[in-house]
Protein backbone atom coordinates (compact mmCIF):
# COMPACT_ATOMS: atom_id res chain seq x y z
CA UNK A 1 0.52 0.08 -0.10
CA UNK A 2 2.92 2.05 0.74
CA UNK A 3 4.29 1.58 -2.32
CA UNK A 4 1.09 3.53 -4.70
CA UNK A 5 0.93 6.31 -2.63
CA UNK A 6 4.54 6.94 -3.29
CA UNK A 7 3.67 6.52 -6.71
CA UNK A 8 0.24 8.67 -6.94
CA UNK A 9 2.15 11.30 -4.86
CA UNK A 10 4.81 11.43 -7.29
CA UNK A 11 2.71 11.44 -10.15
CA UNK A 12 0.93 14.46 -8.53
CA UNK A 13 4.39 16.19 -8.02
CA UNK A 14 5.17 16.05 -11.71
CA UNK A 15 2.08 16.89 -13.37
CA UNK A 16 2.55 19.79 -10.39
CA UNK A 17 6.13 20.56 -12.06
CA UNK A 18 4.52 20.24 -16.18
CA UNK A 19 1.63 22.38 -15.39
CA UNK A 20 4.63 25.25 -13.78
CA UNK A 21 6.64 24.82 -17.18
CA UNK A 22 3.50 25.30 -19.40
CA UNK A 23 2.33 28.24 -17.82
CA UNK A 24 6.28 29.57 -17.55
CA UNK A 25 7.03 28.96 -21.20
CA UNK A 26 3.52 30.43 -22.64
CA UNK A 27 3.48 33.58 -20.28
CA UNK A 28 7.46 33.84 -22.37
CA UNK A 29 5.94 33.23 -25.64
CA UNK A 30 3.57 35.90 -25.45
CA UNK A 31 6.29 38.87 -23.91
CA UNK A 32 7.93 38.64 -27.16
CA UNK A 33 5.66 39.89 -28.97
CA UNK A 34 5.64 43.43 -31.06
CA UNK A 35 3.53 45.96 -30.34
CA UNK A 36 1.18 46.84 -32.52
CA UNK A 37 1.20 50.47 -33.21
CA UNK A 38 5.40 50.95 -32.97
CA UNK A 39 6.22 54.95 -32.58
CA UNK A 40 8.10 55.26 -36.47
CA UNK A 41 5.25 52.88 -38.09
CA UNK A 42 4.04 54.63 -41.12
CA UNK A 43 -0.27 54.78 -39.73
CA UNK A 44 -1.82 55.93 -43.67
CA UNK A 45 -1.01 57.17 -46.83
CA UNK A 46 -0.65 60.80 -45.66
CA UNK A 47 1.48 60.19 -42.73
CA UNK A 48 5.04 61.48 -43.95
CA UNK A 49 3.08 64.88 -45.11
CA UNK A 50 2.07 65.03 -41.45
CA UNK A 51 5.50 63.99 -40.15
CA UNK A 52 6.76 66.57 -41.88
CA UNK A 53 4.63 69.46 -41.01
CA UNK A 54 4.95 68.13 -37.32
CA UNK A 55 0.87 67.07 -37.51
CA UNK A 56 1.22 63.80 -36.28
CA UNK A 57 -1.19 62.09 -33.60
CA UNK A 58 0.28 61.51 -30.63
CA UNK A 59 1.31 57.84 -29.45
CA UNK A 60 -0.80 58.13 -26.52
CA UNK A 61 -3.79 60.30 -25.18
CA UNK A 62 -4.77 60.46 -21.25
CA UNK A 63 -8.54 58.96 -20.78
CA UNK A 64 -11.45 60.39 -18.32
CA UNK A 65 -9.47 58.87 -15.68
CA UNK A 66 -5.88 59.85 -16.32
CA UNK A 67 -4.77 57.23 -17.19
CA UNK A 68 -2.03 56.76 -20.51
CA UNK A 69 -3.69 55.26 -23.21
CA UNK A 70 -2.36 54.39 -26.87
CA UNK A 71 -3.93 57.10 -29.16
CA UNK A 72 -5.68 54.29 -31.85
CA UNK A 73 -8.25 56.50 -33.63
CA UNK A 74 -6.10 59.62 -33.84
CA UNK A 75 -3.50 57.25 -34.93
CA UNK A 76 -5.16 55.40 -37.52
CA UNK A 77 -8.26 57.26 -38.62
CA UNK A 78 -5.89 60.88 -38.98
CA UNK A 79 -7.04 64.40 -38.91
CA UNK A 80 -10.53 65.07 -40.28
C-alpha cells in the first residue's frame, strides 16, 4: 500500500511541475510579440506628409480617469 501512495504522490508532483513549466513557457512566448503600433510605423498614406509638418497624432492620450492609453483612433483615422 505504501508504494502505491508514493507513486501517486510522484505522479502528482510531476503533473504539477509540467503545469508550472507550461505556464512559464507560455508567458515567455507571449512577451516576445511586437507592439501593434510602434512610434515610427507609417499609419496611413498621408503619414509622411503629417510628419514633415509636425501634425502627427500623439501615440498616447490621457483618458477621462487620467490613465495613459494608446491613441488608436487618432493614429489610425488621421486628422479630418
